[in-house]
Amino acid sequence: MIEYKGCQYCVHFRPDGTCPAFDPDTIPLPIVSGQIKHIKPVSNQENTIVYEPVKKSIIYRVDTYRTNNKLMRRRIEIIQGDIKQQNVDAIVNAANEALIAGGGVSGSIHNAAGLGLEEECLKLGGCQEEKAKITKGYNLPAKWVIHTVSPVWEGGNYGEHKILAQCYRSCFAFVEPYKINTIAFPSISTGAYDFPIEIAAKIAIRETRLFLEQNTFIDKVFFICFEKDVYECYTLTLEKIIPEDF
């Protein structure tokens, strides 16, 4: 059986030892002493995500890799549809810093949830960019709504990649405390905030896999794509990052 070197932290591998969970354009994978050191996200004292190298690699058999991918694909699903109609424990709202109803996804969710959602949001005192807050779902099928403030795309030179990644981590932080077994995300930041869909999809799938590998509490993560081109992009990205076969 063929064996490949893989990443100790995230259980991915490629024949050259690089880790497909990370985007080399935004998170470099330095080569040290002829061996690639992978990078893992950790929180520093200021509770900011930074990246540190993983010291060791590990060998994985191809059949184990395929099995892991198949199990992971059962826990991630991409749907073309309307997020406010999803019968899940929690949906994610791409919110503004004031947490008031806006256009697009946010306005749609607020309208469907009713005035109770707006009243609760007003009591939360807003939300900072890359952070998240949680409310009840009110008239929505979902019990909870997690509101996260995502970045406006400004060419990729202002840390937009890291901010969007942190948005996903902030949302996932509510999963265990609120006993959320199923959660649905929209395509965060790709609407009025102009985040390129291809980059946003990579960040979404990457952060979801990293979370699911460390957490068995949650059963399934859904990505709800309203438009067909967004759905197709997310589907293709999922296949690239978590291929069922190769």
Protein backbone atom coordinates (compact mmCIF):
# COMPACT_ATOMS: atom_id res chain seq x y z
CA MET A 1 0.00 0.00 0.00
CA ILE A 2 1.31 3.47 -0.94
CA GLU A 3 2.05 5.81 1.93
CA TYR A 4 2.37 9.58 1.97
CA LYS A 5 3.69 12.11 4.44
CA GLY A 6 0.91 14.19 5.94
CA CYS A 7 0.13 16.93 8.38
CA GLN A 8 0.10 15.90 12.03
CA TYR A 9 -2.38 18.60 12.96
CA CYS A 10 -5.11 18.37 10.37
CA VAL A 11 -4.80 14.84 8.96
CA HIS A 12 -4.43 15.97 5.36
CA PHE A 13 -1.70 15.09 2.97
CA ARG A 14 -0.54 15.38 -0.60
CA PRO A 15 2.20 13.36 -2.28
CA ASP A 16 4.62 16.28 -1.77
CA GLY A 17 3.69 16.60 1.90
CA THR A 18 1.84 19.89 1.65
CA CYS A 19 -1.44 20.45 3.39
CA PRO A 20 -4.48 21.23 1.18
CA ALA A 21 -6.41 22.69 4.11
CA PHE A 22 -4.35 25.86 3.92
CA ASP A 23 -4.10 28.29 1.04
CA PRO A 24 -0.41 28.75 0.21
CA ASP A 25 -1.14 32.21 -1.14
CA THR A 26 -2.35 33.48 2.22
CA ILE A 27 -0.71 31.13 4.76
CA PRO A 28 2.78 30.13 3.56
CA LEU A 29 4.08 26.61 4.16
CA PRO A 30 7.83 27.15 4.72
CA ILE A 31 10.34 24.44 3.88
CA VAL A 32 12.84 23.90 6.70
CA SER A 33 15.76 21.44 6.41
CA GLY A 34 14.16 19.83 3.40
CA GLN A 35 10.90 19.08 5.23
CA ILE A 36 7.70 21.05 4.96
CA LYS A 37 6.45 22.37 8.27
CA HIS A 38 2.70 22.65 8.42
CA ILE A 39 0.96 25.45 10.23
CA LYS A 40 -1.80 25.29 12.82
CA PRO A 41 -4.04 28.05 14.18
CA VAL A 42 -3.67 28.80 17.89
CA SER A 43 -4.88 31.60 20.16
CA ASN A 44 -2.34 33.91 21.76
CA GLN A 45 -2.78 35.80 25.03
CA GLU A 46 -4.87 38.47 23.30
CA ASN A 47 -7.16 35.69 22.00
CA THR A 48 -6.09 36.50 18.45
CA ILE A 49 -5.54 33.66 16.00
CA VAL A 50 -1.91 33.29 14.97
CA TYR A 51 -0.18 30.52 13.06
CA GLU A 52 2.61 28.36 14.41
CA PRO A 53 4.52 25.57 12.68
CA VAL A 54 3.78 21.95 13.52
CA LYS A 55 7.07 20.26 14.38
CA LYS A 56 6.35 16.76 13.10
CA SER A 57 4.69 15.12 10.16
CA ILE A 58 3.08 11.72 10.20
CA ILE A 59 2.64 8.92 7.65
CA TYR A 60 -0.87 8.03 6.49
CA ARG A 61 -1.97 5.14 4.36
CA VAL A 62 -3.98 6.01 1.28
CA ASP A 63 -6.92 3.86 2.35
CA THR A 64 -7.06 5.69 5.71
CA TYR A 65 -6.99 9.01 3.90
CA ARG A 66 -9.88 8.00 1.67
CA THR A 67 -11.91 6.71 4.61
CA ASN A 68 -11.38 9.94 6.54
CA ASN A 69 -12.49 11.99 3.54
CA LYS A 70 -15.66 9.96 3.08
CA LEU A 71 -16.56 10.38 6.74
CA MET A 72 -15.91 14.11 6.52
CA ARG A 73 -18.04 14.49 3.40
CA ARG A 74 -20.99 13.02 5.31
CA ARG A 75 -20.73 15.90 7.77
CA ILE A 76 -20.60 18.69 5.17
CA GLU A 77 -23.37 19.41 2.66
CA ILE A 78 -23.81 22.17 0.11
CA ILE A 79 -27.35 23.12 -0.85
CA GLN A 80 -28.73 25.60 -3.34
CA GLY A 81 -31.60 27.24 -1.51
CA ASP A 82 -32.80 29.79 1.02
CA ILE A 83 -31.04 29.80 4.39
CA LYS A 84 -34.00 31.11 6.35
CA GLN A 85 -35.99 28.00 5.39
CA GLN A 86 -33.44 25.50 6.71
CA ASN A 87 -34.62 23.19 9.47
CA VAL A 88 -31.39 23.16 11.49
CA ASP A 89 -30.42 24.03 15.05
CA ALA A 90 -28.72 27.28 14.02
CA ILE A 91 -28.32 29.44 10.96
CA VAL A 92 -25.63 32.08 10.49
CA ASN A 93 -26.50 35.64 9.58
CA ALA A 94 -24.02 37.82 7.70
CA ALA A 95 -24.69 40.82 9.92
CA ASN A 96 -23.61 44.44 10.10
CA GLU A 97 -21.90 45.87 13.18
CA ALA A 98 -25.16 47.32 14.50
CA LEU A 99 -26.88 43.91 14.17
CA ILE A 100 -29.90 45.59 12.60
CA ALA A 101 -31.73 44.38 9.52
CA GLY A 102 -29.90 45.27 6.33
CA GLY A 103 -30.15 44.11 2.76
CA GLY A 104 -29.51 40.69 1.31
CA VAL A 105 -29.25 37.72 3.70
CA SER A 106 -29.52 39.84 6.83
CA GLY A 107 -32.74 41.58 5.79
CA SER A 108 -34.27 38.31 4.64
CA ILE A 109 -33.52 36.59 7.96
CA HIS A 110 -34.86 39.50 10.03
CA ASN A 111 -38.05 39.69 8.01
CA ALA A 112 -38.72 35.98 8.38
CA ALA A 113 -37.85 35.86 12.08
CA GLY A 114 -40.11 38.76 13.04
CA LEU A 115 -39.76 41.71 15.40
CA GLY A 116 -38.53 39.55 18.28
CA LEU A 117 -35.19 39.07 16.55
CA GLU A 118 -34.69 42.79 15.98
CA GLU A 119 -35.59 43.59 19.58
CA GLU A 120 -33.10 41.06 20.94
CA CYS A 121 -30.37 42.26 18.56
CA LEU A 122 -30.82 45.86 19.76
CA LYS A 123 -30.11 44.71 23.32
CA LEU A 124 -26.75 43.14 22.32
CA GLY A 125 -24.99 46.46 21.74
CA GLY A 126 -23.70 45.63 18.27
CA CYS A 127 -20.89 43.29 17.26
CA GLN A 128 -17.29 43.85 16.19
CA GLU A 129 -15.92 42.68 12.88
CA GLU A 130 -14.82 38.99 12.93
CA LYS A 131 -16.80 38.38 16.15
CA ALA A 132 -20.20 36.70 16.54
CA LYS A 133 -23.25 36.88 18.79
CA ILE A 134 -26.20 34.54 19.17
CA THR A 135 -29.94 35.10 19.46
CA LYS A 136 -33.09 33.02 19.36
CA GLY A 137 -34.57 32.15 15.97
CA TYR A 138 -38.14 33.30 16.77
CA ASN A 139 -40.33 32.57 13.72
CA LEU A 140 -37.56 30.78 11.84
CA PRO A 141 -37.33 26.97 11.68
CA ALA A 142 -33.88 27.29 13.30
CA LYS A 143 -33.76 27.57 17.09
CA TRP A 144 -30.78 29.93 17.02
CA VAL A 145 -29.34 32.65 14.79
CA ILE A 146 -25.61 33.32 15.01
CA HIS A 147 -24.72 36.81 13.77
CA THR A 148 -21.19 37.43 12.53
CA VAL A 149 -19.72 40.61 11.06
CA SER A 150 -17.61 39.74 8.06
CA PRO A 151 -15.08 41.86 6.12
CA VAL A 152 -15.60 44.03 3.08
CA TRP A 153 -13.24 42.98 0.29
CA GLU A 154 -10.65 45.68 -0.36
CA GLY A 155 -8.32 43.85 -2.69
CA GLY A 156 -6.99 41.34 -0.18
CA ASN A 157 -4.33 43.63 1.28
CA TYR A 158 -6.03 44.39 4.60
CA GLY A 159 -6.23 40.99 6.24
CA GLU A 160 -9.63 40.13 4.79
CA HIS A 161 -8.69 36.44 4.54
CA LYS A 162 -7.85 36.16 8.25
CA ILE A 163 -10.89 38.17 9.31
CA LEU A 164 -13.25 35.93 7.35
CA ALA A 165 -11.59 32.81 8.76
CA GLN A 166 -12.05 34.19 12.26
CA CYS A 167 -15.75 34.77 11.53
CA TYR A 168 -16.19 31.02 11.05
CA ARG A 169 -14.26 30.24 14.23
CA SER A 170 -16.37 32.73 16.16
CA CYS A 171 -19.55 31.05 14.93
CA PHE A 172 -18.30 27.55 15.70
CA ALA A 173 -17.50 28.66 19.26
CA PHE A 174 -21.25 28.60 20.03
CA VAL A 175 -21.76 25.00 18.88
CA GLU A 176 -21.00 23.09 22.06
CA PRO A 177 -22.28 25.58 24.68
CA TYR A 178 -25.65 25.82 22.91
CA LYS A 179 -25.84 22.11 21.97
CA ILE A 180 -25.98 22.88 18.25
CA ASN A 181 -25.86 19.64 16.25
CA THR A 182 -26.59 21.16 12.84
CA ILE A 183 -25.60 24.59 11.55
CA ALA A 184 -26.14 26.34 8.20
CA PHE A 185 -23.93 29.08 6.77
CA PRO A 186 -24.65 31.41 3.87
CA SER A 187 -21.83 32.40 1.54
CA ILE A 188 -20.47 34.99 3.97
CA SER A 189 -19.12 38.26 2.52
CA THR A 190 -19.62 37.34 -1.15
CA GLY A 191 -22.68 39.51 -1.72
CA ALA A 192 -22.62 43.25 -1.10
CA TYR A 193 -19.18 42.96 0.53
CA ASP A 194 -17.65 41.76 -2.78
CA PHE A 195 -15.45 39.01 -1.34
CA PRO A 196 -14.36 36.79 -4.29
CA ILE A 197 -16.44 33.63 -4.18
CA GLU A 198 -13.51 31.31 -4.93
CA ILE A 199 -11.46 32.62 -2.02
CA ALA A 200 -14.42 32.75 0.37
CA ALA A 201 -15.36 29.15 -0.45
CA LYS A 202 -11.80 27.95 0.27
CA ILE A 203 -11.80 29.68 3.64
CA ALA A 204 -15.26 28.33 4.51
CA ILE A 205 -14.46 24.70 3.67
CA ARG A 206 -11.01 24.87 5.21
CA GLU A 207 -12.21 26.27 8.53
CA THR A 208 -15.11 23.83 8.65
CA ARG A 209 -12.88 20.83 8.16
CA LEU A 210 -10.42 22.01 10.78
CA PHE A 211 -13.29 22.42 13.24
CA LEU A 212 -14.95 19.09 12.46
CA GLU A 213 -11.69 17.19 12.83
CA GLN A 214 -11.44 18.36 16.43
CA ASN A 215 -15.13 18.27 17.35
CA THR A 216 -17.43 15.26 17.19
CA PHE A 217 -20.27 17.08 18.95
CA ILE A 218 -21.70 18.60 15.79
CA ASP A 219 -23.35 16.28 13.27
CA LYS A 220 -23.47 18.35 10.11
CA VAL A 221 -22.49 21.70 8.61
CA PHE A 222 -24.51 23.03 5.70
CA PHE A 223 -23.55 25.73 3.22
CA ILE A 224 -26.66 27.29 1.73
CA CYS A 225 -25.97 28.98 -1.60
CA PHE A 226 -28.81 31.07 -2.97
CA GLU A 227 -27.39 31.49 -6.48
CA LYS A 228 -26.36 28.71 -8.84
CA ASP A 229 -22.85 30.02 -9.55
CA VAL A 230 -22.10 30.22 -5.82
CA TYR A 231 -23.40 26.68 -5.32
CA GLU A 232 -21.21 25.38 -8.15
CA CYS A 233 -18.15 27.15 -6.76
CA TYR A 234 -18.65 25.72 -3.26
CA THR A 235 -19.24 22.24 -4.67
CA LEU A 236 -16.04 22.37 -6.72
CA THR A 237 -14.06 23.73 -3.77
CA LEU A 238 -15.32 20.95 -1.49
CA GLU A 239 -14.18 18.35 -4.02
CA LYS A 240 -10.74 19.92 -4.26
CA ILE A 241 -10.16 20.22 -0.51
CA ILE A 242 -11.88 16.98 0.55
CA PRO A 243 -11.78 14.65 -2.46
CA GLU A 244 -13.66 11.39 -2.02
CA ASP A 245 -11.25 9.72 -4.41
CA PHE A 246 -8.18 10.52 -6.48
